[in-house]
Structure formats: structure tokens, C-alpha cells
Amino acid sequence: MMLFYQTRSHFHKTVDLPNTTCSHCNNRGTLKMHLMQHYTWMFGPIMPNNKYALIQCAVCETKMPNTLWTKELDAIYKQEKKALKTP
């Protein structure tokens, strides 16, 4: 017996980061944190997996890897992740 499944990402919400500066284009207040979650999918969502975030600049559209996040960005991420409800 074979089972086919996928992993898909689900978008939860976007958080504006008005007090941060983009490290690529040096514009202040243009970063947005997109909160996402992976799901195991087989004819519909079966099992939720890990939650994660992407930070992207609205001007230059570069994505900031989590290795370049400051302590403030990491604290905001942990706070928002804790408040996020799994559907």
C-alpha cells in the first residue's frame, strides 16, 4: 500500500515592523514579518507541523534570513508565535 502526501505552507498573518531598518536598502519601517505554518497534506490538511516566519522588505523585496535577526526581532517572533492559534 502506498500513501502519497505533501507538505504545504499556510499563511497566518503579517506583522508590520515600523521600528526596524532593512539591512539591504537602509529604509526604515519597510520590513514585514509573515507568519506561516507547515502542514502535512493528503486530500486536505492532516497534521500541523512547525511554525516559522519570513521577514521581507516592502521596498527592495529582499528576504532577511533568521541568522541576521536582532534580539528585538527574535523577541517579536517568539511573542507572535506563542499567540498564534493552529487552525
N, C-alpha and C. Protein backbone atom coordinates (compact mmCIF):
# COMPACT_ATOMS: atom_id res chain seq x y z
N MET A 1 0.84 -1.18 0.00
CA MET A 1 0.00 0.00 0.00
C MET A 1 0.88 1.24 0.00
N MET A 2 0.59 2.15 -0.89
CA MET A 2 1.34 3.41 -0.98
C MET A 2 0.46 4.57 -0.58
N LEU A 3 1.02 5.47 0.16
CA LEU A 3 0.34 6.71 0.54
C LEU A 3 1.13 7.88 -0.02
N PHE A 4 0.44 8.78 -0.66
CA PHE A 4 1.07 9.99 -1.17
C PHE A 4 0.63 11.16 -0.32
N TYR A 5 1.58 11.96 0.09
CA TYR A 5 1.27 13.14 0.88
C TYR A 5 2.18 14.28 0.47
N GLN A 6 1.81 15.48 0.87
CA GLN A 6 2.59 16.69 0.58
C GLN A 6 2.78 17.47 1.86
N THR A 7 3.72 18.38 1.82
CA THR A 7 3.79 19.38 2.88
C THR A 7 3.51 20.72 2.23
N ARG A 8 2.61 21.47 2.83
CA ARG A 8 2.24 22.78 2.30
C ARG A 8 2.38 23.82 3.39
N SER A 9 2.49 25.06 2.98
CA SER A 9 2.57 26.16 3.91
C SER A 9 1.24 26.90 3.97
N HIS A 10 0.89 27.30 5.17
CA HIS A 10 -0.34 28.06 5.39
C HIS A 10 0.04 29.44 5.95
N PHE A 11 -0.49 30.49 5.34
CA PHE A 11 -0.23 31.85 5.79
C PHE A 11 -1.18 32.18 6.94
N HIS A 12 -0.63 32.71 8.06
CA HIS A 12 -1.46 33.10 9.20
C HIS A 12 -1.71 34.60 9.23
N LYS A 13 -0.65 35.40 9.32
CA LYS A 13 -0.83 36.84 9.38
C LYS A 13 0.48 37.56 9.08
N THR A 14 0.36 38.87 8.87
CA THR A 14 1.52 39.73 8.62
C THR A 14 1.62 40.74 9.74
N VAL A 15 2.84 40.93 10.24
CA VAL A 15 3.11 41.89 11.30
C VAL A 15 4.03 42.97 10.73
N ASP A 16 3.62 44.23 10.84
CA ASP A 16 4.48 45.35 10.41
C ASP A 16 5.55 45.58 11.47
N LEU A 17 6.75 45.92 11.01
CA LEU A 17 7.87 46.20 11.91
C LEU A 17 8.32 47.65 11.68
N PRO A 18 7.62 48.63 12.29
CA PRO A 18 7.89 50.04 11.99
C PRO A 18 9.20 50.58 12.55
N ASN A 19 9.77 49.96 13.57
CA ASN A 19 10.98 50.49 14.20
C ASN A 19 12.25 49.82 13.75
N THR A 20 12.20 49.05 12.68
CA THR A 20 13.39 48.35 12.20
C THR A 20 13.82 48.87 10.83
N THR A 21 15.09 48.70 10.54
CA THR A 21 15.68 49.18 9.29
C THR A 21 16.13 47.99 8.46
N CYS A 22 15.86 48.05 7.17
CA CYS A 22 16.30 46.99 6.25
C CYS A 22 17.82 47.05 6.12
N SER A 23 18.48 45.91 6.26
CA SER A 23 19.94 45.88 6.18
C SER A 23 20.44 45.99 4.73
N HIS A 24 19.57 45.79 3.77
CA HIS A 24 19.98 45.84 2.36
C HIS A 24 19.83 47.24 1.76
N CYS A 25 18.64 47.87 1.94
CA CYS A 25 18.40 49.18 1.32
C CYS A 25 18.40 50.33 2.34
N ASN A 26 18.53 50.03 3.62
CA ASN A 26 18.59 51.02 4.72
C ASN A 26 17.35 51.89 4.85
N ASN A 27 16.19 51.40 4.40
CA ASN A 27 14.93 52.11 4.61
C ASN A 27 14.33 51.68 5.93
N ARG A 28 13.83 52.64 6.68
CA ARG A 28 13.26 52.36 8.00
C ARG A 28 11.75 52.17 7.90
N GLY A 29 11.25 51.14 8.60
CA GLY A 29 9.82 50.89 8.66
C GLY A 29 9.24 50.15 7.49
N THR A 30 10.07 49.52 6.68
CA THR A 30 9.56 48.83 5.49
C THR A 30 9.54 47.31 5.64
N LEU A 31 9.99 46.79 6.78
CA LEU A 31 10.02 45.35 6.97
C LEU A 31 8.68 44.81 7.46
N LYS A 32 8.32 43.64 6.95
CA LYS A 32 7.09 42.96 7.36
C LYS A 32 7.44 41.51 7.70
N MET A 33 6.86 41.02 8.80
CA MET A 33 7.06 39.63 9.22
C MET A 33 5.82 38.83 8.83
N HIS A 34 6.02 37.81 8.00
CA HIS A 34 4.93 36.94 7.57
C HIS A 34 5.00 35.65 8.38
N LEU A 35 3.96 35.36 9.15
CA LEU A 35 3.93 34.16 9.99
C LEU A 35 3.25 33.03 9.21
N MET A 36 3.93 31.89 9.13
CA MET A 36 3.49 30.76 8.32
C MET A 36 3.55 29.48 9.17
N GLN A 37 2.94 28.42 8.63
CA GLN A 37 3.00 27.11 9.28
C GLN A 37 2.96 26.02 8.22
N HIS A 38 3.80 24.98 8.41
CA HIS A 38 3.80 23.83 7.53
C HIS A 38 2.70 22.86 7.97
N TYR A 39 2.10 22.18 6.98
CA TYR A 39 1.09 21.15 7.23
C TYR A 39 1.41 19.93 6.39
N THR A 40 1.11 18.75 6.94
CA THR A 40 1.10 17.55 6.14
C THR A 40 -0.26 17.48 5.48
N TRP A 41 -0.29 17.24 4.19
CA TRP A 41 -1.50 17.39 3.39
C TRP A 41 -1.75 16.12 2.58
N MET A 42 -2.95 15.54 2.72
CA MET A 42 -3.38 14.41 1.90
C MET A 42 -4.89 14.52 1.74
N PHE A 43 -5.33 15.03 0.60
CA PHE A 43 -6.74 15.34 0.31
C PHE A 43 -7.28 16.41 1.25
N GLY A 44 -6.43 17.07 1.99
CA GLY A 44 -6.79 18.10 2.95
C GLY A 44 -5.74 18.13 4.04
N PRO A 45 -5.74 19.16 4.89
CA PRO A 45 -4.72 19.22 5.95
C PRO A 45 -4.95 18.12 6.99
N ILE A 46 -3.90 17.40 7.30
CA ILE A 46 -4.00 16.30 8.25
C ILE A 46 -3.35 16.66 9.59
N MET A 47 -2.10 17.12 9.51
CA MET A 47 -1.34 17.30 10.73
C MET A 47 -0.51 18.59 10.64
N PRO A 48 -0.65 19.49 11.61
CA PRO A 48 0.18 20.70 11.59
C PRO A 48 1.62 20.37 12.00
N ASN A 49 2.55 21.04 11.36
CA ASN A 49 3.96 20.88 11.69
C ASN A 49 4.48 22.19 12.27
N ASN A 50 5.70 22.54 11.99
CA ASN A 50 6.34 23.69 12.62
C ASN A 50 5.82 25.03 12.11
N LYS A 51 5.89 26.04 12.98
CA LYS A 51 5.56 27.42 12.63
C LYS A 51 6.88 28.14 12.34
N TYR A 52 6.82 29.09 11.40
CA TYR A 52 8.02 29.84 11.06
C TYR A 52 7.63 31.22 10.56
N ALA A 53 8.61 32.08 10.39
CA ALA A 53 8.36 33.44 9.94
C ALA A 53 9.34 33.82 8.84
N LEU A 54 8.88 34.67 7.94
CA LEU A 54 9.71 35.26 6.90
C LEU A 54 9.67 36.77 7.08
N ILE A 55 10.81 37.42 7.03
CA ILE A 55 10.86 38.88 7.10
C ILE A 55 11.28 39.37 5.73
N GLN A 56 10.47 40.27 5.16
CA GLN A 56 10.73 40.78 3.81
C GLN A 56 10.56 42.29 3.80
N CYS A 57 11.41 42.96 3.03
CA CYS A 57 11.33 44.40 2.85
C CYS A 57 10.31 44.72 1.76
N ALA A 58 9.48 45.73 1.99
CA ALA A 58 8.47 46.11 1.01
C ALA A 58 9.06 46.92 -0.14
N VAL A 59 10.21 47.54 0.05
CA VAL A 59 10.82 48.38 -0.98
C VAL A 59 11.72 47.56 -1.91
N CYS A 60 12.73 46.91 -1.34
CA CYS A 60 13.68 46.16 -2.18
C CYS A 60 13.31 44.69 -2.33
N GLU A 61 12.31 44.23 -1.61
CA GLU A 61 11.78 42.86 -1.68
C GLU A 61 12.81 41.78 -1.37
N THR A 62 13.82 42.10 -0.57
CA THR A 62 14.77 41.08 -0.15
C THR A 62 14.25 40.42 1.13
N LYS A 63 14.57 39.15 1.29
CA LYS A 63 14.18 38.41 2.48
C LYS A 63 15.36 38.34 3.43
N MET A 64 15.09 38.59 4.70
CA MET A 64 16.14 38.58 5.71
C MET A 64 16.17 37.20 6.38
N PRO A 65 17.29 36.48 6.28
CA PRO A 65 17.37 35.18 6.94
C PRO A 65 17.39 35.34 8.46
N ASN A 66 16.91 34.33 9.17
CA ASN A 66 16.81 34.45 10.62
C ASN A 66 18.16 34.52 11.32
N THR A 67 19.25 34.25 10.62
CA THR A 67 20.57 34.41 11.22
C THR A 67 20.94 35.90 11.37
N LEU A 68 20.28 36.79 10.61
CA LEU A 68 20.55 38.22 10.69
C LEU A 68 19.53 38.96 11.56
N TRP A 69 18.60 38.25 12.18
CA TRP A 69 17.61 38.90 13.03
C TRP A 69 18.27 39.43 14.29
N THR A 70 17.80 40.58 14.74
CA THR A 70 18.28 41.14 16.00
C THR A 70 17.52 40.49 17.16
N LYS A 71 17.92 40.81 18.37
CA LYS A 71 17.23 40.26 19.55
C LYS A 71 15.79 40.75 19.62
N GLU A 72 15.56 41.99 19.17
CA GLU A 72 14.20 42.54 19.18
C GLU A 72 13.30 41.78 18.20
N LEU A 73 13.83 41.49 17.00
CA LEU A 73 13.05 40.75 16.00
C LEU A 73 12.76 39.33 16.49
N ASP A 74 13.74 38.72 17.14
CA ASP A 74 13.54 37.38 17.67
C ASP A 74 12.49 37.38 18.79
N ALA A 75 12.50 38.41 19.62
CA ALA A 75 11.51 38.52 20.70
C ALA A 75 10.10 38.73 20.13
N ILE A 76 9.99 39.56 19.08
CA ILE A 76 8.68 39.78 18.44
C ILE A 76 8.18 38.48 17.83
N TYR A 77 9.07 37.73 17.19
CA TYR A 77 8.70 36.46 16.58
C TYR A 77 8.19 35.47 17.63
N LYS A 78 8.91 35.34 18.73
CA LYS A 78 8.50 34.39 19.77
C LYS A 78 7.16 34.79 20.39
N GLN A 79 6.95 36.09 20.57
CA GLN A 79 5.68 36.57 21.12
C GLN A 79 4.52 36.29 20.17
N GLU A 80 4.70 36.58 18.88
CA GLU A 80 3.65 36.36 17.90
C GLU A 80 3.40 34.86 17.68
N LYS A 81 4.45 34.06 17.73
CA LYS A 81 4.32 32.62 17.56
C LYS A 81 3.52 32.01 18.70
N LYS A 82 3.76 32.50 19.91
CA LYS A 82 3.03 32.00 21.06
C LYS A 82 1.55 32.33 20.98
N ALA A 83 1.21 33.50 20.44
CA ALA A 83 -0.19 33.93 20.34
C ALA A 83 -0.91 33.32 19.15
N LEU A 84 -0.19 32.69 18.25
CA LEU A 84 -0.77 32.13 17.03
C LEU A 84 -1.53 30.84 17.34
N LYS A 85 -2.75 30.75 16.88
CA LYS A 85 -3.58 29.56 17.07
C LYS A 85 -3.50 28.68 15.83
N THR A 86 -3.34 27.39 16.03
CA THR A 86 -3.32 26.45 14.91
C THR A 86 -4.74 26.14 14.49
N PRO A 87 -5.08 26.39 13.22
CA PRO A 87 -6.45 26.13 12.78
C PRO A 87 -6.74 24.64 12.67
